[in-house]
Amino acid sequence: MWHPALISALVKLDFPLPLLKWIYSWSKGRIMSMQVGAAISRTINIIVGVPQSPFLAAMLFQLHIHFLPSFFLNIVCHLFADDLAIVINGGLDKQAEAAMKILERYAGA
């Protein structure tokens, strides 16, 4: 999950300030690099992801996506731990079929 969006969602949910500060300080300034033998990659900033904890990761994910259903009409969300399934009613299948035909035409050209 993207850290700025997570922090924004937590603020909108009136998350307790001490916990908000703790999560923000954890996510700020995280970096990574890889080493294979003597070779070391460049260092990159990490602005996505959460700790690999069965409870904390799932809870933060649920809070992160809390407002997602409000962006769409006629959807049903199914949430289990850190998995989300969104069911969209309507003519999406017809739109997807038309888009696939266009892609197939371009791929065959």
C-alpha atoms as a PDB file:
ATOM      1  CA  MET A   1       0.000   0.000   0.000  1.00  0.00           C
ATOM      2  CA  TRP A   2       1.097   3.527  -0.780  1.00  0.00           C
ATOM      3  CA  HIS A   3       2.169   5.321   2.401  1.00  0.00           C
ATOM      4  CA  PRO A   4       0.775   8.818   1.617  1.00  0.00           C
ATOM      5  CA  ALA A   5      -2.675   7.346   0.897  1.00  0.00           C
ATOM      6  CA  LEU A   6      -2.533   5.238   4.060  1.00  0.00           C
ATOM      7  CA  ILE A   7      -1.676   8.260   6.218  1.00  0.00           C
ATOM      8  CA  SER A   8      -4.428  10.284   4.524  1.00  0.00           C
ATOM      9  CA  ALA A   9      -7.012   7.559   5.227  1.00  0.00           C
ATOM     10  CA  LEU A  10      -5.912   7.311   8.865  1.00  0.00           C
ATOM     11  CA  VAL A  11      -6.243  11.086   9.294  1.00  0.00           C
ATOM     12  CA  LYS A  12      -9.752  11.029   7.753  1.00  0.00           C
ATOM     13  CA  LEU A  13     -10.700   8.209  10.158  1.00  0.00           C
ATOM     14  CA  ASP A  14      -9.555  10.327  13.150  1.00  0.00           C
ATOM     15  CA  PHE A  15      -6.901   7.771  14.030  1.00  0.00           C
ATOM     16  CA  PRO A  16      -5.340   8.466  17.464  1.00  0.00           C
ATOM     17  CA  LEU A  17      -2.484  10.936  17.029  1.00  0.00           C
ATOM     18  CA  PRO A  18       0.183   8.871  18.880  1.00  0.00           C
ATOM     19  CA  LEU A  19      -0.508   5.847  16.647  1.00  0.00           C
ATOM     20  CA  LEU A  20      -0.645   8.030  13.549  1.00  0.00           C
ATOM     21  CA  LYS A  21       2.755   9.508  14.429  1.00  0.00           C
ATOM     22  CA  TRP A  22       4.171   6.017  15.043  1.00  0.00           C
ATOM     23  CA  ILE A  23       2.973   4.713  11.656  1.00  0.00           C
ATOM     24  CA  TYR A  24       4.166   7.872   9.897  1.00  0.00           C
ATOM     25  CA  SER A  25       7.625   7.699  11.490  1.00  0.00           C
ATOM     26  CA  TRP A  26       7.878   4.012  10.575  1.00  0.00           C
ATOM     27  CA  SER A  27       7.006   4.702   6.927  1.00  0.00           C
ATOM     28  CA  LYS A  28       9.197   7.805   6.554  1.00  0.00           C
ATOM     29  CA  GLY A  29      12.718   7.469   5.221  1.00  0.00           C
ATOM     30  CA  ARG A  30      12.666   3.712   4.529  1.00  0.00           C
ATOM     31  CA  ILE A  31      15.250   2.571   1.972  1.00  0.00           C
ATOM     32  CA  MET A  32      16.456  -0.688   0.476  1.00  0.00           C
ATOM     33  CA  SER A  33      19.194  -2.125  -1.655  1.00  0.00           C
ATOM     34  CA  MET A  34      20.160  -5.614  -2.796  1.00  0.00           C
ATOM     35  CA  GLN A  35      23.450  -7.410  -2.618  1.00  0.00           C
ATOM     36  CA  VAL A  36      24.503 -10.394  -4.722  1.00  0.00           C
ATOM     37  CA  GLY A  37      28.041 -11.474  -4.000  1.00  0.00           C
ATOM     38  CA  ALA A  38      30.185  -8.350  -4.024  1.00  0.00           C
ATOM     39  CA  ALA A  39      27.737  -6.352  -6.169  1.00  0.00           C
ATOM     40  CA  ILE A  40      25.398  -3.926  -4.376  1.00  0.00           C
ATOM     41  CA  SER A  41      22.500  -2.203  -6.087  1.00  0.00           C
ATOM     42  CA  ARG A  42      21.703   1.476  -5.788  1.00  0.00           C
ATOM     43  CA  THR A  43      19.606   2.487  -2.792  1.00  0.00           C
ATOM     44  CA  ILE A  44      15.934   3.225  -3.451  1.00  0.00           C
ATOM     45  CA  ASN A  45      13.234   4.839  -1.329  1.00  0.00           C
ATOM     46  CA  ILE A  46      10.381   2.630  -0.167  1.00  0.00           C
ATOM     47  CA  ILE A  47       7.003   4.358  -0.310  1.00  0.00           C
ATOM     48  CA  VAL A  48       4.801   1.253  -0.400  1.00  0.00           C
ATOM     49  CA  GLY A  49       4.233  -1.793   1.782  1.00  0.00           C
ATOM     50  CA  VAL A  50       3.691  -2.526   5.442  1.00  0.00           C
ATOM     51  CA  PRO A  51       5.347  -4.746   8.043  1.00  0.00           C
ATOM     52  CA  GLN A  52       4.835  -8.458   7.427  1.00  0.00           C
ATOM     53  CA  SER A  53       2.696  -9.031  10.489  1.00  0.00           C
ATOM     54  CA  PRO A  54      -0.468 -11.146  10.357  1.00  0.00           C
ATOM     55  CA  PHE A  55      -2.410  -8.614  12.413  1.00  0.00           C
ATOM     56  CA  LEU A  56      -0.828  -5.231  11.660  1.00  0.00           C
ATOM     57  CA  ALA A  57      -0.610  -5.663   7.882  1.00  0.00           C
ATOM     58  CA  ALA A  58      -4.238  -6.813   7.610  1.00  0.00           C
ATOM     59  CA  MET A  59      -5.497  -4.020   9.866  1.00  0.00           C
ATOM     60  CA  LEU A  60      -3.583  -1.310   7.993  1.00  0.00           C
ATOM     61  CA  PHE A  61      -4.819  -2.674   4.656  1.00  0.00           C
ATOM     62  CA  GLN A  62      -8.440  -2.568   5.829  1.00  0.00           C
ATOM     63  CA  LEU A  63      -8.001   1.002   7.049  1.00  0.00           C
ATOM     64  CA  HIS A  64      -6.201   1.934   3.824  1.00  0.00           C
ATOM     65  CA  ILE A  65      -9.105   0.818   1.615  1.00  0.00           C
ATOM     66  CA  HIS A  66     -11.879   1.967   3.949  1.00  0.00           C
ATOM     67  CA  PHE A  67     -13.013   4.745   1.584  1.00  0.00           C
ATOM     68  CA  LEU A  68     -12.583   2.780  -1.674  1.00  0.00           C
ATOM     69  CA  PRO A  69     -16.258   1.771  -2.036  1.00  0.00           C
ATOM     70  CA  SER A  70     -17.325   5.425  -1.873  1.00  0.00           C
ATOM     71  CA  PHE A  71     -15.548   6.083  -5.197  1.00  0.00           C
ATOM     72  CA  PHE A  72     -17.728   3.646  -7.148  1.00  0.00           C
ATOM     73  CA  LEU A  73     -21.451   3.115  -7.562  1.00  0.00           C
ATOM     74  CA  ASN A  74     -23.101  -0.301  -7.555  1.00  0.00           C
ATOM     75  CA  ILE A  75     -20.199  -2.285  -6.172  1.00  0.00           C
ATOM     76  CA  VAL A  76     -19.963  -4.995  -3.559  1.00  0.00           C
ATOM     77  CA  CYS A  77     -16.735  -5.419  -1.590  1.00  0.00           C
ATOM     78  CA  HIS A  78     -15.653  -8.656   0.021  1.00  0.00           C
ATOM     79  CA  LEU A  79     -12.762  -8.300   2.441  1.00  0.00           C
ATOM     80  CA  PHE A  80     -10.862 -11.044   4.202  1.00  0.00           C
ATOM     81  CA  ALA A  81      -7.646 -10.226   6.079  1.00  0.00           C
ATOM     82  CA  ASP A  82      -5.489  -8.490   3.457  1.00  0.00           C
ATOM     83  CA  ASP A  83      -7.462  -9.567   0.371  1.00  0.00           C
ATOM     84  CA  LEU A  84     -10.116  -7.483  -1.379  1.00  0.00           C
ATOM     85  CA  ALA A  85     -12.561  -8.593  -4.051  1.00  0.00           C
ATOM     86  CA  ILE A  86     -14.726  -5.987  -5.771  1.00  0.00           C
ATOM     87  CA  VAL A  87     -17.836  -7.018  -7.694  1.00  0.00           C
ATOM     88  CA  ILE A  88     -19.087  -4.403 -10.157  1.00  0.00           C
ATOM     89  CA  ASN A  89     -22.621  -4.744 -11.484  1.00  0.00           C
ATOM     90  CA  GLY A  90     -23.578  -3.596 -14.934  1.00  0.00           C
ATOM     91  CA  GLY A  91     -22.325  -3.911 -18.489  1.00  0.00           C
ATOM     92  CA  LEU A  92     -18.665  -4.275 -17.616  1.00  0.00           C
ATOM     93  CA  ASP A  93     -18.446  -7.636 -19.386  1.00  0.00           C
ATOM     94  CA  LYS A  94     -19.631  -6.100 -22.661  1.00  0.00           C
ATOM     95  CA  GLN A  95     -17.148  -3.251 -22.329  1.00  0.00           C
ATOM     96  CA  ALA A  96     -14.348  -5.727 -21.601  1.00  0.00           C
ATOM     97  CA  GLU A  97     -15.362  -7.867 -24.584  1.00  0.00           C
ATOM     98  CA  ALA A  98     -15.301  -4.871 -26.934  1.00  0.00           C
ATOM     99  CA  ALA A  99     -11.901  -3.798 -25.574  1.00  0.00           C
ATOM    100  CA  MET A 100     -10.518  -7.320 -26.092  1.00  0.00           C
ATOM    101  CA  LYS A 101     -11.681  -7.336 -29.731  1.00  0.00           C
ATOM    102  CA  ILE A 102      -9.908  -4.027 -30.342  1.00  0.00           C
ATOM    103  CA  LEU A 103      -6.730  -5.364 -28.718  1.00  0.00           C
ATOM    104  CA  GLU A 104      -6.908  -8.555 -30.784  1.00  0.00           C
ATOM    105  CA  ARG A 105      -7.258  -6.495 -33.965  1.00  0.00           C
ATOM    106  CA  TYR A 106      -4.189  -4.408 -33.099  1.00  0.00           C
ATOM    107  CA  ALA A 107      -2.232  -7.512 -32.082  1.00  0.00           C
ATOM    108  CA  GLY A 108      -3.030  -9.190 -35.414  1.00  0.00           C
ATOM    109  CA  ALA A 109      -2.040  -6.138 -37.483  1.00  0.00           C
END
